[in-house]
Each structure stands twice: as structure tokens, then as C-alpha cells.
Amino acid sequence: MNDLPTEETVRSPLSDAEGCRFICKVKDHAVRGEWFSLYEDYAYKCLFTHPQPKAGQMAKYYASDEYLSHNKTNSGLFAKLFYTAQLYTIRRKYRLLKAQLPSPKNKLLDFGCGTGEFAGFVKSKKWDVTCTEPSEKAASYSKKEHQLDVYEDLETLPQEKTFDAITAWHVLEHVHEPGKTLEKLRALLNDDGCLILALPNYKSTDARFYKEMWAGLDVPRHLYHFSPESVQNLSERHGFEVIRVKRMMLDAFYVSLLSEKYFKTGFAGIPGALAVGLWSNITALISKNRCSSLIYILKKRS
């Protein structure tokens, strides 16, 4: 195991609350094999990774061909499954985006665009698309392959830019200051616009089954770990309201496959992963709060 303390006094980097409750230790299975702790922020009802690497240290935790949202060269089984699912979900995401806006509205910011597949698809539909992406490798691919306008972060966007819609597909859990980030996104959003967030749900059925081996924890790249309750709390405190929540059913299967891989069950784990993913989705049909990942549609609070 490791030597991380389990009863130290920890202050939440999100709410600044003291004495946060220790939950468990989690290993970085994907890249460096280091151990981290999860603590609960009782003010927001979310979990946070501790210690959190500083912004300048994060690049080394993404430096792997296994990190698929920043890489298009991996040809392994899990990569093929990921890219196949990605092609399917891009079209669903686009239909969801269009349904939120009146037809003349077409200015999109894709916050954390990765290799730009979604943003490139939206641009092909004659939208005015702007992106941010801190990974130099992923941003370079987005510019070259999809001819996208990609900025390093929100601070480097042109000051006159505003948007009808902002999307953040599995991004907010990666940022050091999610509350301040929401406030910045709110300032960039037109009054009748929408913000669409996709986030893993640490209270999902598959997360409860795999516990500290659940691939959706993905420490330390995931600095925060959200549930529907914590997204509601975070949104309300930073100028938004959640108007709709949608399920992401494919995520349960992919995350379960990765979790089985971390158990080192190999191909023998595929039937188990399919069973857990199916059970997770069945329970999610009964209650959205049990879904592996969820999409939250937010509007500005007046």
C-alpha cells in the first residue's frame, strides 16, 4: 500500500472547510502508479483528491498513450472501444446541444476540447466554434485535423468573445478551481445560453461496486468527484441552476471494463464488466442518480 495518512486534518481546496472526512486511498492505475487519498467536502457534498498536484505538475499525469482523450495513436482494445463509442456519442451530444437553443443561435465554446472530435463535428454543421485545451499535443491535433480555433485556457480567449452555448465534456473534474471556473464560464455565456457539463458520478452503481478500484476516480487527473447533489450545490453557489439531467449509458460499460483491467482480470473480466455495466444502467433507469456519468444542462440564475 502506501504511507498516506488517513486521519490528518485536511482543508478542502473547494470550500475551504476544515476537518474533511477521509474516505479511502486510491492508486493512479493509468499513468504513474502513485497513491492519493479521497476526502469529503461536506459543504458541497463532493469528494476531492488529496494531495492535489499543482497546475504546473499536472502534465506528467497525462503523459501516457493510455490517456485517450489526448491521444489518437493508441490501437489497443480499450482504445478501439473508446473511439467507437466516441463516434456514436458525438452525434447524440450534438442533437442534445441543438435542442437547447433556438435555431439562429450557433456560437459554441467547447471548454477542454481534447483532440477536437466533438468540436470539429459541430463546426462541420456550420457553427462558429471556439475551443480551449491546455494539452499542447491535443490542441495541436485539434488545430491540424479539424481546423479549430484553440486557446490554452479561458484567460487567453479574445475579450470580446461571448457564446450561446458552452460544453465541458468530462472536464470540470480536472480543474483546480471548479467554482471560479463556473463563474468565468457564466461571464462568457449569453443570458439565454446554456452550459452543458458531463461528469462521472461517484455515487453510481458501478462506482459503489468497484469502490476504490473504480476507474471513474482517475486520480490525480480527477481533482474532484461529483454526484448529482454536489453538482446542484456547486451550480447554485456560482450563478447557475440545473434545468435538466441526462444519462450517459455507455459510460458504465467502458468504465467497468477499465476497472476490471485495474483488477488485472484481463479478458476474463469482460463478462464481469458487461454484467456490472448492465446492472448499473438498469438501476439508472429507476433513478438517474445511479448512472455512471451524467449530463447536466445549466442556465444562468437571474
Protein backbone atom coordinates (compact mmCIF):
# COMPACT_ATOMS: atom_id res chain seq x y z
CA MET A 1 0.00 0.00 0.00
CA ASN A 2 1.32 3.47 0.81
CA ASP A 3 2.10 5.83 3.64
CA LEU A 4 -0.59 8.46 3.08
CA PRO A 5 -2.15 9.47 6.41
CA THR A 6 -5.79 8.57 6.96
CA GLU A 7 -6.64 10.88 9.85
CA GLU A 8 -4.80 14.12 9.18
CA THR A 9 -6.68 17.41 9.34
CA VAL A 10 -7.36 18.31 5.72
CA ARG A 11 -8.85 21.55 4.43
CA SER A 12 -11.00 21.41 1.30
CA PRO A 13 -9.50 23.37 -1.62
CA LEU A 14 -13.06 23.95 -2.88
CA SER A 15 -14.99 25.30 0.12
CA ASP A 16 -12.02 25.92 2.49
CA ALA A 17 -13.82 23.75 5.05
CA GLU A 18 -11.59 22.18 7.70
CA GLY A 19 -11.61 18.68 9.14
CA CYS A 20 -12.80 16.94 5.99
CA ARG A 21 -13.62 13.25 6.33
CA PHE A 22 -11.18 10.69 4.92
CA ILE A 23 -12.85 8.25 2.51
CA CYS A 24 -10.20 5.94 1.07
CA LYS A 25 -6.85 5.65 -0.68
CA VAL A 26 -6.79 5.35 -4.47
CA LYS A 27 -3.99 4.44 -6.86
CA ASP A 28 -3.21 6.17 -10.15
CA HIS A 29 -3.58 3.00 -12.21
CA ALA A 30 -3.40 4.72 -15.59
CA VAL A 31 -0.05 6.52 -15.61
CA ARG A 32 2.32 6.74 -12.63
CA GLY A 33 1.18 4.24 -10.01
CA GLU A 34 1.20 6.81 -7.20
CA TRP A 35 -1.27 6.78 -4.31
CA PHE A 36 -3.64 9.55 -3.27
CA SER A 37 -6.43 9.98 -0.74
CA LEU A 38 -10.06 10.95 -1.21
CA TYR A 39 -11.73 13.27 1.30
CA GLU A 40 -15.28 14.55 1.50
CA ASP A 41 -16.07 18.25 1.26
CA TYR A 42 -19.15 18.33 3.49
CA ALA A 43 -20.13 21.84 2.34
CA TYR A 44 -20.52 20.85 -1.32
CA LYS A 45 -21.12 17.10 -0.77
CA CYS A 46 -18.36 16.19 -3.23
CA LEU A 47 -15.06 14.34 -2.85
CA PHE A 48 -11.64 15.76 -3.61
CA THR A 49 -8.24 14.22 -4.31
CA HIS A 50 -5.53 14.87 -1.75
CA PRO A 51 -2.86 15.96 -2.19
CA GLN A 52 -3.68 17.76 -5.43
CA PRO A 53 -0.69 18.26 -7.75
CA LYS A 54 -0.15 21.90 -8.62
CA ALA A 55 -1.13 23.08 -12.08
CA GLY A 56 2.47 23.06 -13.26
CA GLN A 57 2.85 19.42 -12.20
CA MET A 58 -0.23 18.03 -13.92
CA ALA A 59 1.27 17.40 -17.37
CA LYS A 60 3.24 14.36 -16.17
CA TYR A 61 0.00 12.65 -15.10
CA TYR A 62 -1.36 12.90 -18.64
CA ALA A 63 1.86 11.74 -20.31
CA SER A 64 0.68 8.35 -21.50
CA ASP A 65 -0.80 6.84 -24.65
CA GLU A 66 -3.39 5.30 -22.31
CA TYR A 67 -4.93 8.73 -21.76
CA LEU A 68 -7.20 8.51 -24.78
CA SER A 69 -8.89 11.90 -24.83
CA HIS A 70 -5.46 13.47 -25.54
CA ASN A 71 -4.19 10.78 -27.88
CA LYS A 72 -5.23 9.33 -31.27
CA THR A 73 -2.39 6.84 -31.82
CA ASN A 74 -3.31 4.05 -29.38
CA SER A 75 -4.58 0.95 -31.21
CA GLY A 76 -5.27 -1.35 -28.25
CA LEU A 77 -8.60 -2.96 -27.38
CA PHE A 78 -9.68 -0.29 -24.93
CA ALA A 79 -8.70 2.48 -27.35
CA LYS A 80 -10.76 0.91 -30.14
CA LEU A 81 -13.76 0.64 -27.82
CA PHE A 82 -13.28 4.24 -26.72
CA TYR A 83 -13.03 5.63 -30.27
CA THR A 84 -16.04 3.61 -31.44
CA ALA A 85 -18.17 4.85 -28.56
CA GLN A 86 -16.91 8.37 -29.17
CA LEU A 87 -18.22 8.39 -32.75
CA TYR A 88 -21.65 7.34 -31.53
CA THR A 89 -21.84 9.78 -28.64
CA ILE A 90 -20.70 12.80 -30.69
CA ARG A 91 -23.90 12.73 -32.70
CA ARG A 92 -26.03 12.33 -29.58
CA LYS A 93 -24.25 15.25 -27.94
CA TYR A 94 -24.83 17.41 -30.99
CA ARG A 95 -28.56 16.62 -31.03
CA LEU A 96 -28.72 17.49 -27.34
CA LEU A 97 -26.89 20.76 -27.96
CA LYS A 98 -29.22 21.79 -30.79
CA ALA A 99 -32.29 21.01 -28.71
CA GLN A 100 -31.26 23.56 -26.06
CA LEU A 101 -31.03 26.58 -28.36
CA PRO A 102 -33.22 28.45 -30.83
CA SER A 103 -32.06 27.70 -34.37
CA PRO A 104 -30.28 31.04 -35.06
CA LYS A 105 -28.01 30.52 -32.04
CA ASN A 106 -24.75 28.88 -33.08
CA LYS A 107 -21.75 30.24 -31.19
CA LEU A 108 -20.13 27.44 -29.17
CA LEU A 109 -17.24 27.29 -26.72
CA ASP A 110 -16.01 23.73 -26.19
CA PHE A 111 -14.12 24.02 -22.90
CA GLY A 112 -11.42 21.35 -22.81
CA CYS A 113 -11.87 20.05 -26.35
CA GLY A 114 -9.22 17.30 -26.19
CA THR A 115 -8.42 16.15 -29.74
CA GLY A 116 -11.42 18.08 -31.04
CA GLU A 117 -13.73 15.37 -32.38
CA PHE A 118 -16.91 16.89 -30.94
CA ALA A 119 -15.93 20.49 -31.71
CA GLY A 120 -14.89 19.51 -35.24
CA PHE A 121 -18.21 17.78 -35.85
CA VAL A 122 -20.14 20.83 -34.62
CA LYS A 123 -18.03 23.10 -36.83
CA SER A 124 -18.89 20.90 -39.84
CA LYS A 125 -22.54 21.81 -39.15
CA LYS A 126 -21.71 25.50 -39.83
CA TRP A 127 -21.42 26.55 -36.19
CA ASP A 128 -19.00 29.23 -35.00
CA VAL A 129 -16.79 27.10 -32.72
CA THR A 130 -14.06 28.18 -30.30
CA CYS A 131 -12.13 25.80 -28.05
CA THR A 132 -9.83 25.73 -25.07
CA GLU A 133 -7.39 22.91 -24.40
CA PRO A 134 -4.33 23.03 -22.10
CA SER A 135 -2.67 19.93 -23.57
CA GLU A 136 -0.29 21.11 -26.28
CA LYS A 137 -0.41 17.72 -28.01
CA ALA A 138 -4.20 17.53 -28.09
CA ALA A 139 -4.57 21.18 -29.08
CA SER A 140 -2.12 20.73 -31.95
CA TYR A 141 -4.11 17.76 -33.23
CA SER A 142 -7.38 19.73 -32.98
CA LYS A 143 -5.94 22.60 -35.00
CA LYS A 144 -4.38 20.38 -37.66
CA GLU A 145 -7.11 17.79 -38.15
CA HIS A 146 -10.23 19.89 -37.51
CA GLN A 147 -9.00 23.44 -38.28
CA LEU A 148 -10.29 24.63 -34.92
CA ASP A 149 -9.51 27.84 -33.08
CA VAL A 150 -7.97 26.52 -29.87
CA TYR A 151 -6.79 28.62 -26.93
CA GLU A 152 -4.78 27.38 -23.96
CA ASP A 153 -7.30 28.48 -21.32
CA LEU A 154 -10.16 30.88 -20.61
CA GLU A 155 -7.77 33.72 -19.82
CA THR A 156 -6.31 33.69 -23.35
CA LEU A 157 -9.68 33.91 -25.14
CA PRO A 158 -10.30 37.18 -27.02
CA GLN A 159 -12.00 39.56 -24.58
CA GLU A 160 -14.94 40.30 -26.89
CA LYS A 161 -15.96 36.64 -27.15
CA THR A 162 -19.34 35.51 -25.80
CA PHE A 163 -21.20 32.29 -26.56
CA ASP A 164 -24.69 30.89 -26.99
CA ALA A 165 -23.60 27.54 -25.58
CA ILE A 166 -20.63 26.20 -23.65
CA THR A 167 -19.84 22.49 -23.40
CA ALA A 168 -17.48 20.78 -20.98
CA TRP A 169 -17.44 17.03 -21.62
CA HIS A 170 -15.72 15.41 -18.63
CA VAL A 171 -13.62 18.50 -17.92
CA LEU A 172 -14.77 20.21 -14.71
CA GLU A 173 -13.45 17.36 -12.55
CA HIS A 174 -9.96 18.14 -13.92
CA VAL A 175 -9.77 21.84 -12.98
CA HIS A 176 -8.27 23.13 -9.74
CA GLU A 177 -10.95 25.72 -9.04
CA PRO A 178 -14.30 24.46 -10.36
CA GLY A 179 -16.29 27.18 -8.61
CA LYS A 180 -14.25 30.03 -10.05
CA THR A 181 -14.26 28.25 -13.42
CA LEU A 182 -18.07 28.20 -13.42
CA GLU A 183 -18.10 31.92 -12.69
CA LYS A 184 -15.78 32.56 -15.63
CA LEU A 185 -17.93 30.43 -17.91
CA ARG A 186 -21.02 32.28 -16.74
CA ALA A 187 -19.44 35.60 -17.74
CA LEU A 188 -18.77 34.22 -21.23
CA LEU A 189 -22.30 32.88 -21.70
CA ASN A 190 -25.08 34.92 -23.27
CA ASP A 191 -28.07 35.45 -20.98
CA ASP A 192 -30.30 32.96 -22.81
CA GLY A 193 -27.48 30.48 -23.41
CA CYS A 194 -26.81 27.12 -21.80
CA LEU A 195 -23.86 25.37 -20.18
CA ILE A 196 -23.65 21.60 -20.67
CA LEU A 197 -21.49 19.58 -18.27
CA ALA A 198 -20.72 15.86 -18.41
CA LEU A 199 -19.32 14.39 -15.21
CA PRO A 200 -18.65 10.97 -13.66
CA ASN A 201 -20.95 10.14 -10.75
CA TYR A 202 -19.13 8.72 -7.74
CA LYS A 203 -22.47 7.57 -6.30
CA SER A 204 -23.32 5.43 -9.33
CA THR A 205 -24.00 1.71 -9.09
CA ASP A 206 -20.72 0.77 -10.79
CA ALA A 207 -18.77 3.17 -8.55
CA ARG A 208 -20.32 1.55 -5.46
CA PHE A 209 -19.41 -1.90 -6.81
CA TYR A 210 -15.75 -1.20 -7.69
CA LYS A 211 -15.14 1.23 -4.79
CA GLU A 212 -11.51 2.46 -4.74
CA MET A 213 -10.80 0.49 -7.95
CA TRP A 214 -13.49 2.39 -9.89
CA ALA A 215 -11.82 3.82 -13.00
CA GLY A 216 -14.03 6.91 -12.84
CA LEU A 217 -11.97 8.18 -9.91
CA ASP A 218 -8.89 8.51 -12.16
CA VAL A 219 -6.69 10.22 -9.58
CA PRO A 220 -4.96 12.63 -9.67
CA ARG A 221 -6.26 13.82 -13.05
CA HIS A 222 -9.71 13.98 -11.48
CA LEU A 223 -9.17 16.53 -8.75
CA TYR A 224 -12.85 16.48 -7.74
CA HIS A 225 -15.51 13.79 -7.73
CA PHE A 226 -19.13 14.84 -8.14
CA SER A 227 -22.61 13.44 -7.60
CA PRO A 228 -25.93 14.99 -8.69
CA GLU A 229 -26.29 16.60 -5.26
CA SER A 230 -22.82 18.18 -5.38
CA VAL A 231 -23.34 19.47 -8.94
CA GLN A 232 -26.58 21.08 -7.78
CA ASN A 233 -24.80 22.69 -4.82
CA LEU A 234 -21.87 23.90 -6.90
CA SER A 235 -24.09 25.30 -9.66
CA GLU A 236 -26.35 27.24 -7.31
CA ARG A 237 -23.43 28.77 -5.42
CA HIS A 238 -21.86 30.06 -8.62
CA GLY A 239 -24.75 31.57 -10.54
CA PHE A 240 -26.39 28.64 -12.34
CA GLU A 241 -29.37 26.37 -11.97
CA VAL A 242 -29.58 22.81 -13.23
CA ILE A 243 -32.62 22.59 -15.51
CA ARG A 244 -32.19 19.05 -16.83
CA VAL A 245 -30.12 15.91 -16.21
CA LYS A 246 -29.48 13.25 -18.87
CA ARG A 247 -27.98 9.78 -18.57
CA MET A 248 -24.77 8.64 -20.30
CA MET A 249 -25.43 4.92 -20.53
CA LEU A 250 -22.34 3.80 -22.46
CA ASP A 251 -20.01 5.12 -19.78
CA ALA A 252 -20.96 2.34 -17.36
CA PHE A 253 -19.64 -0.33 -19.72
CA TYR A 254 -16.40 1.46 -20.61
CA VAL A 255 -15.60 2.46 -17.02
CA SER A 256 -16.38 -1.07 -15.81
CA LEU A 257 -14.02 -2.53 -18.43
CA LEU A 258 -11.25 -0.21 -17.24
CA SER A 259 -11.99 -1.08 -13.62
CA GLU A 260 -11.68 -4.79 -14.42
CA LYS A 261 -8.40 -4.03 -16.15
CA TYR A 262 -7.13 -2.39 -12.95
CA PHE A 263 -8.07 -5.57 -11.10
CA LYS A 264 -5.79 -7.30 -13.67
CA THR A 265 -8.54 -9.73 -14.63
CA GLY A 266 -7.66 -9.29 -18.32
CA PHE A 267 -10.08 -10.69 -20.88
CA ALA A 268 -11.69 -12.81 -18.16
CA GLY A 269 -13.01 -9.54 -16.73
CA ILE A 270 -15.04 -8.63 -19.81
CA PRO A 271 -18.14 -10.67 -18.84
CA GLY A 272 -17.97 -9.20 -15.35
CA ALA A 273 -17.64 -5.66 -16.70
CA LEU A 274 -20.60 -6.15 -19.02
CA ALA A 275 -22.67 -7.50 -16.12
CA VAL A 276 -21.78 -4.58 -13.84
CA GLY A 277 -22.35 -2.06 -16.64
CA LEU A 278 -25.74 -3.59 -17.43
CA TRP A 279 -26.78 -3.62 -13.78
CA SER A 280 -25.63 -0.02 -13.39
CA ASN A 281 -27.76 1.04 -16.35
CA ILE A 282 -30.79 -0.89 -15.12
CA THR A 283 -30.60 0.89 -11.78
CA ALA A 284 -30.05 4.19 -13.62
CA LEU A 285 -33.37 3.69 -15.42
CA ILE A 286 -35.00 3.58 -12.00
CA SER A 287 -33.01 6.53 -10.67
CA LYS A 288 -30.74 8.82 -12.72
CA ASN A 289 -28.67 9.31 -9.58
CA ARG A 290 -27.29 5.78 -10.05
CA CYS A 291 -25.96 6.40 -13.58
CA SER A 292 -22.19 6.09 -14.15
CA SER A 293 -21.94 9.52 -15.80
CA LEU A 294 -24.49 12.28 -16.21
CA ILE A 295 -25.01 15.31 -18.43
CA TYR A 296 -26.19 18.44 -16.64
CA ILE A 297 -27.82 21.28 -18.56
CA LEU A 298 -27.42 24.59 -16.78
CA LYS A 299 -28.89 28.05 -17.28
CA LYS A 300 -27.88 31.32 -15.67
CA ARG A 301 -29.71 32.21 -12.47
CA SER A 302 -31.27 35.67 -12.62
